[in-house]
Protein backbone atom coordinates (compact mmCIF):
# COMPACT_ATOMS: atom_id res chain seq x y z
CA MET A 1 21.39 270.87 61.44
CA LYS A 2 21.89 268.73 64.74
CA ILE A 3 21.37 270.62 67.67
CA ILE A 4 21.33 270.20 71.83
CA LYS A 5 19.48 272.81 73.37
CA GLY A 6 17.36 272.49 76.99
CA GLY A 7 15.58 273.99 79.86
CA SER A 8 14.53 273.94 83.31
CA GLY A 9 12.02 271.21 84.77
CA GLY A 10 11.37 268.61 87.88
CA LYS A 11 7.64 270.00 88.96
CA GLU A 12 5.81 267.30 90.10
CA LEU A 13 1.95 266.78 89.03
CA VAL A 14 -1.21 265.58 90.62
CA CYS A 15 -2.17 262.54 88.28
CA THR A 16 -5.59 263.01 87.15
CA ALA A 17 -7.42 260.96 85.52
CA GLU A 18 -7.21 262.95 82.14
CA GLU A 19 -3.23 262.93 82.19
CA LEU A 20 -3.68 259.16 83.86
CA LYS A 21 -5.41 258.11 80.30
CA ALA A 22 -2.86 260.27 78.14
CA VAL A 23 0.20 258.37 80.03
CA ASN A 24 -1.69 254.95 79.54
CA ALA A 25 -1.41 255.48 75.40
CA PHE A 26 1.88 254.73 75.24
CA ALA A 27 1.74 251.86 77.86
CA LYS A 28 1.69 248.08 76.86
CA ALA A 29 -0.44 247.68 79.95
CA GLN A 30 -2.37 250.10 81.89
CA LEU A 31 -0.94 251.96 84.63
CA SER A 32 -3.31 253.04 87.62
CA ALA A 33 -1.84 256.50 89.30
CA GLU A 34 0.01 255.08 91.91
CA ASP A 35 2.16 253.18 89.02
CA VAL A 36 3.77 256.69 87.95
CA TYR A 37 5.23 260.27 88.80
CA ILE A 38 4.13 262.53 86.20
CA PHE A 39 6.14 265.89 86.11
CA SER A 40 6.60 268.58 83.68
CA VAL A 41 9.83 269.94 82.25
CA LEU A 42 10.69 273.27 80.03
CA LEU A 43 12.08 272.13 77.06
CA CYS A 44 13.09 275.41 75.04
CA ASP A 45 11.69 279.00 74.72
CA ASN A 46 11.99 281.70 72.01
CA GLU A 47 14.72 283.60 74.02
CA ILE A 48 18.32 283.78 72.55
CA ASP A 49 20.86 281.77 73.92
CA ARG A 50 25.03 282.39 74.76
CA ASP A 51 25.12 281.25 70.90
CA HIS A 52 23.38 283.83 69.61
CA GLU A 53 20.19 281.19 68.27
CA ARG A 54 16.42 281.01 69.00
CA PHE A 55 13.45 278.90 68.14
CA SER A 56 11.05 280.61 66.27
CA GLU A 57 7.76 280.30 67.71
CA ALA A 58 6.71 278.11 64.42
CA THR A 59 9.64 276.00 65.42
CA LEU A 60 8.28 275.85 68.85
CA ARG A 61 5.25 274.55 67.69
CA LYS A 62 6.23 271.72 65.28
CA LEU A 63 8.78 270.63 68.04
CA GLY A 64 6.23 270.36 70.20
CA GLU A 65 4.24 267.44 68.01
CA LEU A 66 7.76 265.96 67.46
CA PHE A 67 8.77 265.52 71.32
CA VAL A 68 5.42 263.16 72.06
CA GLY A 69 6.07 260.13 72.31
CA VAL A 70 10.42 260.83 73.25
CA THR A 71 11.83 258.69 75.84
CA GLY A 72 14.08 261.10 78.55
CA ILE A 73 18.07 259.99 79.54
CA CYS A 74 20.92 261.37 81.92
CA ASP A 75 23.78 263.23 80.35
CA HIS A 76 22.74 262.27 77.27
CA ASP A 77 23.75 258.78 77.39
CA TRP A 78 21.51 256.76 74.77
CA ARG A 79 22.12 252.92 76.43
CA SER A 80 18.59 251.67 76.30
CA ASP A 81 18.83 250.93 79.95
CA ASN A 82 19.36 254.98 80.45
CA GLN A 83 15.83 255.28 79.53
CA VAL A 84 14.28 256.85 82.56
CA ALA A 85 10.98 258.74 81.45
CA ARG A 86 8.71 259.63 78.38
CA ILE A 87 7.06 262.88 77.18
CA TYR A 88 3.21 261.87 76.74
CA ARG A 89 2.03 265.71 76.17
CA THR A 90 3.42 269.14 75.80
CA GLU A 91 2.17 272.73 75.52
CA LEU A 92 3.14 275.61 73.85
CA VAL A 93 3.28 278.72 76.77
CA THR A 94 2.90 281.96 76.00
CA ASP A 95 3.38 284.35 79.23
CA LYS A 96 2.07 287.60 78.65
CA ASN A 97 3.51 288.64 81.64
CA ARG A 98 7.31 288.39 80.69
CA LYS A 99 9.20 289.54 77.96
CA ASN A 100 12.38 288.03 75.97
CA SER A 101 14.93 290.25 75.15
CA LEU A 102 13.44 291.03 71.66
CA GLY A 103 10.93 292.47 73.53
CA ALA A 104 8.26 289.79 72.68
CA ASP A 105 6.05 287.72 74.75
CA TYR A 106 8.09 284.35 76.00
CA VAL A 107 7.17 281.65 74.32
CA TYR A 108 8.28 278.09 75.81
CA LEU A 109 7.45 274.65 75.40
CA LYS A 110 6.55 272.91 77.63
CA GLY A 111 6.88 268.77 77.90
CA TYR A 112 4.67 266.58 80.47
CA ALA A 113 6.53 263.47 81.14
CA TYR A 114 5.94 260.10 83.12
CA MET A 115 8.24 257.58 84.85
CA LEU A 116 7.49 254.84 86.44
CA ARG A 117 7.73 254.62 90.34
CA THR A 118 10.22 251.47 90.15
CA GLU A 119 13.08 250.96 92.80
CA ALA A 120 15.59 251.48 90.46
CA ASN A 121 13.85 255.04 89.47
CA ALA A 122 13.25 256.01 93.35
CA GLU A 123 16.62 258.12 93.85
CA LEU A 124 15.71 260.40 90.67
CA ILE A 125 12.56 260.68 91.36
CA ALA A 126 13.59 262.05 95.05
CA GLN A 127 16.28 263.95 93.46
CA ILE A 128 13.92 265.50 90.98
CA ASP A 129 11.68 266.49 94.46
CA GLY A 130 14.70 267.96 96.19
CA GLY A 131 15.37 270.42 93.00
CA ILE A 132 18.91 268.80 92.75
CA LYS A 133 17.49 267.00 88.67
CA ARG A 134 16.50 270.94 87.97
CA GLU A 135 18.27 270.78 84.21
CA THR A 136 17.17 269.73 81.20
CA SER A 137 18.24 269.90 77.46
CA VAL A 138 17.15 268.10 74.49
CA GLY A 139 18.37 266.73 71.39
CA CYS A 140 16.70 267.72 67.80
CA SER A 141 17.51 268.94 64.30
CA VAL A 142 16.11 271.61 62.36
CA ALA A 143 16.31 272.68 58.43
CA ARG A 144 17.69 276.00 58.87
CA SER A 145 19.24 278.53 60.57
CA VAL A 146 18.49 282.50 59.27
CA CYS A 147 20.37 285.28 59.75
CA SER A 148 18.16 288.20 61.71
CA VAL A 149 19.50 290.68 60.07
CA CYS A 150 18.93 289.92 56.26
CA GLY A 151 17.05 286.96 56.24
CA GLU A 152 19.15 284.80 54.21
CA GLU A 153 20.92 281.63 55.52
CA LEU A 154 23.30 282.17 58.13
CA GLY A 155 26.61 281.26 56.21
CA THR A 156 25.73 282.39 52.93
CA CYS A 157 25.87 285.94 54.12
CA ALA A 158 28.41 288.23 55.37
CA HIS A 159 26.92 288.71 59.11
CA VAL A 160 27.98 287.23 62.09
CA LYS A 161 26.25 285.99 65.06
CA GLY A 162 27.18 288.19 68.00
CA ARG A 163 27.93 291.44 66.36
CA THR A 164 25.66 294.21 65.63
CA TYR A 165 24.93 295.91 62.33
CA GLY A 166 23.56 299.01 62.28
CA GLY A 167 22.21 298.85 65.71
CA LYS A 168 20.36 295.78 64.56
CA GLU A 169 22.10 292.23 66.61
CA CYS A 170 22.96 289.53 64.40
CA TYR A 171 21.50 285.90 65.88
CA ALA A 172 20.39 282.63 64.24
CA ILE A 173 16.88 282.00 63.82
CA LEU A 174 16.15 278.10 64.02
CA GLU A 175 13.30 277.58 61.37
CA GLY A 176 12.10 274.56 60.13
CA ALA A 177 11.88 271.65 62.57
CA VAL A 178 12.94 268.19 61.37
CA ASP A 179 13.60 265.96 64.35
CA ALA A 180 13.42 265.59 68.14
CA TYR A 181 15.20 262.53 69.21
CA GLU A 182 15.63 263.16 72.58
CA TRP A 183 15.67 264.89 75.96
CA SER A 184 18.17 264.73 79.23
CA PHE A 185 18.83 265.22 82.76
CA VAL A 186 21.70 267.02 82.97
CA ALA A 187 23.86 267.45 85.85
CA VAL A 188 25.05 271.23 85.33
CA PRO A 189 23.48 274.15 83.13
CA ALA A 190 25.83 275.14 80.70
CA GLN A 191 23.97 278.45 80.28
CA ARG A 192 22.36 281.39 81.60
CA GLY A 193 19.06 281.88 82.58
CA ALA A 194 16.34 279.24 83.43
CA GLY A 195 19.36 276.28 82.30
CA VAL A 196 18.90 277.02 78.58
CA ILE A 197 22.00 275.06 77.29
CA LYS A 198 22.89 274.62 73.59
CA SER A 199 25.43 273.34 71.46
CA PHE A 200 25.78 271.67 67.97
CA VAL A 201 26.45 267.52 68.43
CA GLU A 202 29.96 266.44 67.76
CA THR A 203 30.15 263.04 66.42
CA GLU A 204 33.59 261.48 65.24
CA GLU A 205 32.76 261.71 61.70
CA GLY A 206 32.02 265.56 62.07
CA LYS A 207 35.68 265.86 63.93
CA ARG A 208 37.86 264.32 60.70
CA PHE A 209 36.38 267.88 59.04
CA ALA A 210 37.97 269.87 61.87
CA PRO A 211 41.38 271.36 60.02
CA GLU A 212 39.04 272.30 57.44
CA TYR A 213 36.03 274.44 59.48
CA GLU A 214 38.92 276.37 61.23
CA LYS A 215 40.66 277.06 57.59
CA LEU A 216 37.09 277.95 56.63
CA GLU A 217 36.47 280.12 59.64
CA LYS A 218 39.94 282.05 59.54
CA ALA A 219 39.24 283.06 55.72
CA ALA A 220 35.98 284.31 56.60
CA ARG A 221 37.43 286.53 59.43
CA LEU A 222 39.31 287.88 56.87
CA GLY A 223 36.48 287.88 54.62
CA GLU A 224 34.24 290.06 57.17
CA LYS A 225 37.21 292.44 58.18
CA TYR A 226 37.69 293.40 53.88
CA LEU A 227 33.81 293.64 54.16
CA ASP A 228 33.87 296.36 57.31
CA GLY A 229 36.66 298.29 55.94
CA LEU A 230 34.36 298.33 52.40
CA ARG A 231 31.81 299.77 54.60
CA SER A 232 34.10 302.84 56.35
CA GLU A 233 35.00 303.74 52.98
CA VAL A 234 31.75 303.85 51.71
CA LEU A 235 30.69 305.75 54.41
CA ARG A 236 33.35 308.12 54.36
CA LEU A 237 32.59 308.80 50.90
CA CYS A 238 29.16 309.50 51.62
CA LEU A 239 30.53 312.28 53.96
CA VAL A 240 32.47 313.84 51.07
CA CYS A 241 29.61 313.71 48.77
CA ASP A 242 26.32 314.26 50.57
CA LYS A 243 26.36 314.44 54.78
CA SER A 244 22.88 314.31 54.62
CA LEU A 245 22.44 310.69 53.77
CA HIS A 246 24.64 309.49 56.27
CA SER A 247 22.61 308.90 59.03
CA ALA A 248 20.28 306.78 56.93
CA LEU A 249 23.16 305.10 55.44
CA SER A 250 25.24 304.28 57.96
CA LYS A 251 21.72 302.10 59.19
CA SER A 252 21.36 299.88 55.53
CA VAL A 253 24.88 299.42 54.50
CA ALA A 254 25.54 296.27 57.29
CA THR A 255 23.19 294.99 55.21
CA LEU A 256 24.59 295.10 51.65
CA ASP A 257 26.71 292.47 50.36
CA GLU A 258 30.08 293.10 48.47
CA ALA A 259 28.56 293.66 45.16
CA ALA A 260 26.36 296.58 46.59
CA LEU A 261 29.24 297.61 48.48
CA LEU A 262 31.58 298.55 45.38
CA GLU A 263 28.84 299.41 43.31
CA MET A 264 28.04 302.49 45.90
CA LYS A 265 31.73 303.19 46.36
CA SER A 266 32.22 303.36 42.64
CA ALA A 267 29.41 305.96 42.45
CA PHE A 268 30.54 308.11 45.02
CA GLU A 269 34.24 308.11 44.28
CA ALA A 270 32.85 309.40 41.00
CA ARG A 271 30.42 311.71 41.96
CA SER A 272 33.07 313.16 44.79
CA ALA A 273 35.27 313.60 41.51
CA GLU A 274 32.52 315.88 39.93
CA LEU A 275 32.03 318.17 43.13
CA TYR A 276 36.31 318.13 43.67
CA PRO A 277 37.95 318.70 40.70
CA PRO A 278 41.93 318.51 40.79
CA VAL A 279 42.94 322.23 40.73
CA THR A 280 46.33 323.02 39.46
CA GLN A 281 48.79 325.87 41.10
CA LEU A 282 50.05 327.16 37.86
CA PRO A 283 47.97 329.22 34.86
CA GLY A 284 47.65 327.50 31.70
CA LYS A 285 49.36 329.43 29.29
CA GLY A 286 48.25 332.65 27.99
CA GLU A 287 45.99 332.55 31.19
CA VAL A 288 45.55 334.68 34.10
CA THR A 289 44.59 332.95 37.24
CA LYS A 290 43.66 334.93 40.72
CA PHE A 291 44.81 332.39 43.33
CA ASP A 292 44.24 333.34 47.30
CA GLY A 293 45.02 329.43 47.97
CA ASP A 294 41.97 328.85 49.22
CA GLU A 295 42.07 325.32 47.61
CA TYR A 296 44.57 324.44 50.16
CA ILE A 297 42.76 325.40 53.05
CA ILE A 298 42.33 322.13 55.00
């Protein structure tokens, strides 16, 4: 799964001997401190974004390895003459004084990049120093997208990102970093917070599947509506059979699939039939029945 996700950047660093040594590992000719401009960028973090997706800490750590040596561009323009910087090292930072929306320590991937102090780069360096170029966007791919509710591959389960099930928000946990292929300065951040942006990469080949994708989305919405109705019916029958179970069941029913819901519905219907058998108004032949109407009081 290819994704674009980013953060903020543009903080100049002091070019120490240690930093210069790391930079020169990527240069053919030995560079001096006067030759390079080095700065840091926040590449991505463990916060849930507006697409209801987040990187796991393990994925961030792996991306830290993959982004070393990756070039930086502008506005996702992959032309060779648009390569302006390169990441020479990364650092996974845990901020103990800041929590993400889940209440966990805020963790982010910090990249250290360098660019040459050339006449062509002078304007970009000035924009970074002036705070104009602040937002960055990274392009990478991950192996899987895991549902936060049930732990299954998102798309194979019935849960929908952004919805809440039994008090638990559904979002995708991006696992298994596969590749990190670019990072880019962008003009306008597309999302909230510290410039965090994300979207799926759109290709010409992918556009061919748009009609089929829309059809599948419609079918998924209908399926979700059906499952919501099934869950409501199970909870209704639970109240009929045993009110004491309702509280616990209302939390767990959101994670159940169709087969489990149908089985539970069948069991509750059978129990309901035992508890409340049908009662006739007329007695059988030769029978005398006292009828006070209690059976029909609502």
